[in-house]
């Protein structure tokens, strides 16, 4: 499936159930990396606007670059009234932005979908001199508790191409090559969501590699998810745990 179309039928669940980012991450961006209230930020692969909203809350000017029409429209519905917000139908490889027009580029939960070589050329073109790139992921933890480990096995069992599209396939060593030699820096922060069974099902269905209703494996998958939840719930909830990773530099 074309990566730019993978989420077209999952926008509603994406909006409702995907995690935001910890306040500590935003403090790091504005206190350490150097984003400022009046800077121009290209949010590339902006999706439904989860990270754009956090940037707007800090007063930055946001250009949301998103190729998927349905996701872009969902973001515009939520954020279109913000004076500092503009959405454009571009991609990481072809943003459509002018040369040297942005102070920072952020890619939140999107970089693993890019053609890295083409994106690197495009980012060099649109960044102002001394501009920085920030790559961010909510990296779901897969070990350390029975629920984390059982859920990851569940994805390997029912996910159509989970093994090939997960961002976990991009190692820090591979990311180093995207940045100027010796310039990549890393920050890590805890994050989590609490879900009841309905919320857990919504979170599962927001993933592009998960079967949708009508698929032959859908009913068996949902039965397995219910059993997984019942084995692991505490007080009617399970904890979805992440380490939010921030890779940044020139």
Protein backbone atom coordinates (compact mmCIF):
# COMPACT_ATOMS: atom_id res chain seq x y z
CA UNK A 1 0.00 0.00 0.00
CA UNK A 2 1.16 3.53 -0.76
CA UNK A 3 2.41 4.89 2.57
CA UNK A 4 0.70 8.21 1.88
CA UNK A 5 -2.71 6.49 1.74
CA UNK A 6 -2.39 3.96 4.55
CA UNK A 7 -4.36 5.92 7.15
CA UNK A 8 -7.21 7.21 4.96
CA UNK A 9 -9.73 4.78 6.51
CA UNK A 10 -8.43 5.18 10.08
CA UNK A 11 -8.61 8.92 10.66
CA UNK A 12 -11.38 8.78 13.28
CA UNK A 13 -9.61 6.20 15.45
CA UNK A 14 -6.29 7.98 14.95
CA UNK A 15 -7.74 11.24 16.26
CA UNK A 16 -9.35 9.57 19.27
CA UNK A 17 -6.76 7.05 20.39
CA UNK A 18 -3.25 8.01 19.32
CA UNK A 19 -1.09 9.48 22.12
CA UNK A 20 0.02 13.07 22.37
CA UNK A 21 3.50 13.97 23.63
CA UNK A 22 4.71 14.74 27.17
CA UNK A 23 5.07 18.31 28.38
CA UNK A 24 8.71 17.47 29.09
CA UNK A 25 9.26 16.96 25.36
CA UNK A 26 7.95 20.43 24.57
CA UNK A 27 10.07 21.95 27.34
CA UNK A 28 13.07 20.19 25.77
CA UNK A 29 12.26 21.53 22.30
CA UNK A 30 11.86 25.11 23.51
CA UNK A 31 14.43 25.06 26.30
CA UNK A 32 17.28 22.97 24.85
CA UNK A 33 16.85 22.59 21.08
CA UNK A 34 16.04 26.27 20.62
CA UNK A 35 12.53 26.57 19.20
CA UNK A 36 11.04 29.96 19.95
CA UNK A 37 7.62 31.51 20.13
CA UNK A 38 7.93 33.33 16.81
CA UNK A 39 9.86 30.75 14.79
CA UNK A 40 8.50 29.08 11.65
CA UNK A 41 8.19 25.31 12.02
CA UNK A 42 7.42 22.84 9.23
CA UNK A 43 5.59 19.88 10.76
CA UNK A 44 6.30 17.29 8.06
CA UNK A 45 3.98 14.30 8.01
CA UNK A 46 1.72 16.27 10.32
CA UNK A 47 -1.14 13.77 10.13
CA UNK A 48 -4.20 14.81 12.12
CA UNK A 49 -2.34 17.66 13.83
CA UNK A 50 -1.41 16.10 17.18
CA UNK A 51 2.05 17.70 17.28
CA UNK A 52 1.04 20.83 15.35
CA UNK A 53 -1.35 21.67 18.18
CA UNK A 54 1.44 21.49 20.77
CA UNK A 55 3.61 23.81 18.66
CA UNK A 56 0.75 26.27 18.27
CA UNK A 57 0.18 26.23 22.02
CA UNK A 58 3.76 27.53 22.36
CA UNK A 59 3.12 30.37 19.91
CA UNK A 60 5.15 29.09 16.95
CA UNK A 61 4.08 29.53 13.34
CA UNK A 62 3.26 26.07 11.97
CA UNK A 63 3.20 24.92 8.36
CA UNK A 64 1.68 21.43 8.45
CA UNK A 65 2.88 19.36 5.49
CA UNK A 66 0.69 16.28 4.99
CA UNK A 67 0.06 14.27 1.79
CA UNK A 68 -2.98 12.34 3.05
CA UNK A 69 -6.14 14.29 2.25
CA UNK A 70 -8.30 12.76 4.98
CA UNK A 71 -5.74 13.31 7.72
CA UNK A 72 -5.02 16.85 6.56
CA UNK A 73 -8.73 17.69 6.56
CA UNK A 74 -9.11 16.32 10.10
CA UNK A 75 -6.28 18.60 11.26
CA UNK A 76 -7.75 21.61 9.46
CA UNK A 77 -11.12 20.96 11.10
CA UNK A 78 -9.46 21.15 14.51
CA UNK A 79 -6.77 23.78 13.92
CA UNK A 80 -7.86 25.75 10.85
CA UNK A 81 -9.02 28.69 12.95
CA UNK A 82 -5.54 29.26 14.39
CA UNK A 83 -3.87 32.32 12.87
CA UNK A 84 -0.41 30.72 13.08
CA UNK A 85 -1.47 27.52 11.31
CA UNK A 86 -1.33 26.65 7.63
CA UNK A 87 -1.72 23.20 6.08
CA UNK A 88 -0.28 22.25 2.69
CA UNK A 89 -0.72 19.05 0.62
CA UNK A 90 2.97 18.18 0.36
CA UNK A 91 5.26 15.33 1.36
CA UNK A 92 8.68 15.00 2.97
CA UNK A 93 10.17 14.44 -0.45
CA UNK A 94 8.36 17.38 -2.06
CA UNK A 95 7.02 19.83 0.52
CA UNK A 96 6.18 22.63 -1.94
CA UNK A 97 7.72 25.18 0.47
CA UNK A 98 10.09 27.94 -0.69
CA UNK A 99 13.87 27.65 -0.37
CA UNK A 100 15.25 28.46 3.08
CA UNK A 101 11.84 29.36 4.48
CA UNK A 102 11.62 27.50 7.83
CA UNK A 103 13.60 27.68 11.06
CA UNK A 104 12.91 24.11 12.17
CA UNK A 105 11.53 20.89 10.73
CA UNK A 106 9.76 18.46 13.06
CA UNK A 107 8.66 14.97 12.09
CA UNK A 108 6.50 13.40 14.80
CA UNK A 109 5.71 9.71 14.27
CA UNK A 110 6.28 10.09 10.53
CA UNK A 111 9.95 9.82 9.52
CA UNK A 112 9.85 6.02 9.08
CA UNK A 113 7.45 6.50 6.14
CA UNK A 114 9.83 8.79 4.21
CA UNK A 115 12.21 8.18 1.35
CA UNK A 116 15.16 9.25 3.50
CA UNK A 117 17.54 10.23 0.72
CA UNK A 118 14.96 12.41 -1.03
CA UNK A 119 13.74 13.90 2.26
CA UNK A 120 17.28 14.85 3.27
CA UNK A 121 17.74 16.82 0.03
CA UNK A 122 14.36 18.52 0.45
CA UNK A 123 15.01 19.40 4.10
CA UNK A 124 18.34 20.99 3.19
CA UNK A 125 16.52 23.06 0.59
CA UNK A 126 13.75 24.46 2.82
CA UNK A 127 15.73 25.00 6.05
CA UNK A 128 17.17 28.41 6.80
CA UNK A 129 20.92 28.55 7.54
CA UNK A 130 21.64 26.91 10.93
CA UNK A 131 18.15 25.39 10.95
CA UNK A 132 17.55 22.16 12.85
CA UNK A 133 15.66 18.94 12.21
CA UNK A 134 13.79 17.16 15.02
CA UNK A 135 12.60 13.55 14.62
CA UNK A 136 10.19 12.34 17.30
CA UNK A 137 8.58 8.99 18.08
CA UNK A 138 6.35 7.65 20.80
CA UNK A 139 8.22 4.35 20.93
CA UNK A 140 5.91 1.72 22.42
CA UNK A 141 7.68 -0.44 25.00
CA UNK A 142 7.51 -4.15 24.21
CA UNK A 143 9.20 -5.75 27.22
CA UNK A 144 9.09 -5.52 31.00
CA UNK A 145 5.45 -6.40 31.74
CA UNK A 146 3.20 -9.28 30.62
CA UNK A 147 0.87 -6.87 28.82
CA UNK A 148 3.67 -5.21 26.82
CA UNK A 149 5.03 -8.57 25.70
CA UNK A 150 1.66 -10.18 24.96
CA UNK A 151 0.48 -7.13 23.01
CA UNK A 152 3.59 -7.15 20.83
CA UNK A 153 3.06 -10.84 20.12
CA UNK A 154 -0.56 -10.03 19.25
CA UNK A 155 0.66 -7.54 16.62
CA UNK A 156 3.05 -10.09 15.16
CA UNK A 157 0.17 -12.56 14.93
CA UNK A 158 -2.49 -10.30 13.40
CA UNK A 159 -0.59 -7.36 11.88
CA UNK A 160 -0.45 -7.59 8.11
CA UNK A 161 3.00 -6.04 7.68
CA UNK A 162 3.85 -4.96 11.21
CA UNK A 163 7.38 -6.35 11.03
CA UNK A 164 8.31 -4.27 8.00
CA UNK A 165 6.68 -0.89 8.70
CA UNK A 166 7.36 -0.32 12.41
CA UNK A 167 9.63 2.59 13.25
CA UNK A 168 11.64 0.18 15.41
CA UNK A 169 13.35 -0.88 12.16
CA UNK A 170 15.15 2.48 12.06
CA UNK A 171 18.12 2.24 14.41
CA UNK A 172 19.97 5.20 15.94
CA UNK A 173 22.95 4.24 13.76
CA UNK A 174 20.78 4.66 10.66
CA UNK A 175 19.49 8.00 11.92
CA UNK A 176 23.01 9.32 12.43
CA UNK A 177 23.49 9.21 8.66
CA UNK A 178 20.61 11.65 8.16
CA UNK A 179 22.28 14.40 10.18
CA UNK A 180 25.42 16.41 9.70
CA UNK A 181 28.40 14.34 10.87
CA UNK A 182 28.63 14.24 14.65
CA UNK A 183 25.67 16.56 15.20
CA UNK A 184 22.80 14.24 16.18
CA UNK A 185 21.64 14.50 19.77
CA UNK A 186 19.04 12.41 21.60
CA UNK A 187 16.49 13.04 24.34
CA UNK A 188 14.21 10.40 25.90
CA UNK A 189 11.08 10.88 28.00
CA UNK A 190 8.42 8.56 29.53
CA UNK A 191 4.87 8.64 28.20
CA UNK A 192 1.78 6.45 28.63
CA UNK A 193 -1.92 6.04 27.98
CA UNK A 194 -4.53 4.21 30.07
CA UNK A 195 -7.20 2.27 28.16
CA UNK A 196 -10.36 0.38 28.97
CA UNK A 197 -11.31 -2.37 26.51
CA UNK A 198 -13.05 0.02 24.12
CA UNK A 199 -10.06 2.36 24.15
CA UNK A 200 -7.62 -0.50 23.60
CA UNK A 201 -9.64 -1.66 20.60
CA UNK A 202 -9.61 1.87 19.21
CA UNK A 203 -5.86 2.16 19.70
CA UNK A 204 -5.34 -1.13 17.87
CA UNK A 205 -7.53 -0.13 14.95
CA UNK A 206 -5.65 3.17 14.53
CA UNK A 207 -2.63 1.20 13.27
CA UNK A 208 -2.32 0.88 9.50
CA UNK A 209 -1.19 -2.75 9.61
CA UNK A 210 -4.26 -4.01 11.53
CA UNK A 211 -7.21 -5.72 9.76
CA UNK A 212 -10.44 -3.69 9.58
CA UNK A 213 -14.03 -4.91 9.99
CA UNK A 214 -14.93 -7.23 7.15
CA UNK A 215 -11.47 -8.78 6.96
CA UNK A 216 -11.58 -12.59 7.43
CA UNK A 217 -9.28 -12.38 10.46
CA UNK A 218 -11.05 -9.46 12.15
CA UNK A 219 -13.36 -11.38 14.49
CA UNK A 220 -10.62 -13.73 15.68
CA UNK A 221 -8.33 -10.75 16.24
CA UNK A 222 -10.89 -8.93 18.39
CA UNK A 223 -11.57 -12.08 20.42
CA UNK A 224 -7.83 -12.42 21.05
CA UNK A 225 -7.62 -8.76 22.05
CA UNK A 226 -10.48 -9.16 24.54
CA UNK A 227 -8.77 -12.15 26.12
CA UNK A 228 -5.47 -10.25 26.28
CA UNK A 229 -7.20 -7.36 28.03
CA UNK A 230 -8.96 -9.63 30.53
CA UNK A 231 -5.67 -11.32 31.46
CA UNK A 232 -3.88 -8.02 32.07
CA UNK A 233 -6.37 -5.37 33.15
CA UNK A 234 -6.06 -3.76 36.56
CA UNK A 235 -9.05 -1.76 37.73
CA UNK A 236 -10.59 -2.08 34.29
CA UNK A 237 -7.60 -0.59 32.45
CA UNK A 238 -4.27 -1.47 30.87
CA UNK A 239 -1.29 0.85 30.59
CA UNK A 240 0.13 1.54 27.13
CA UNK A 241 3.72 2.57 27.87
CA UNK A 242 6.05 4.53 25.63
CA UNK A 243 9.47 6.09 25.61
CA UNK A 244 9.22 9.31 23.61
CA UNK A 245 12.47 9.64 21.66
CA UNK A 246 13.74 12.91 20.20
CA UNK A 247 16.59 12.85 17.65
CA UNK A 248 17.76 16.28 16.55
CA UNK A 249 20.55 18.24 14.91
CA UNK A 250 21.68 19.95 11.73
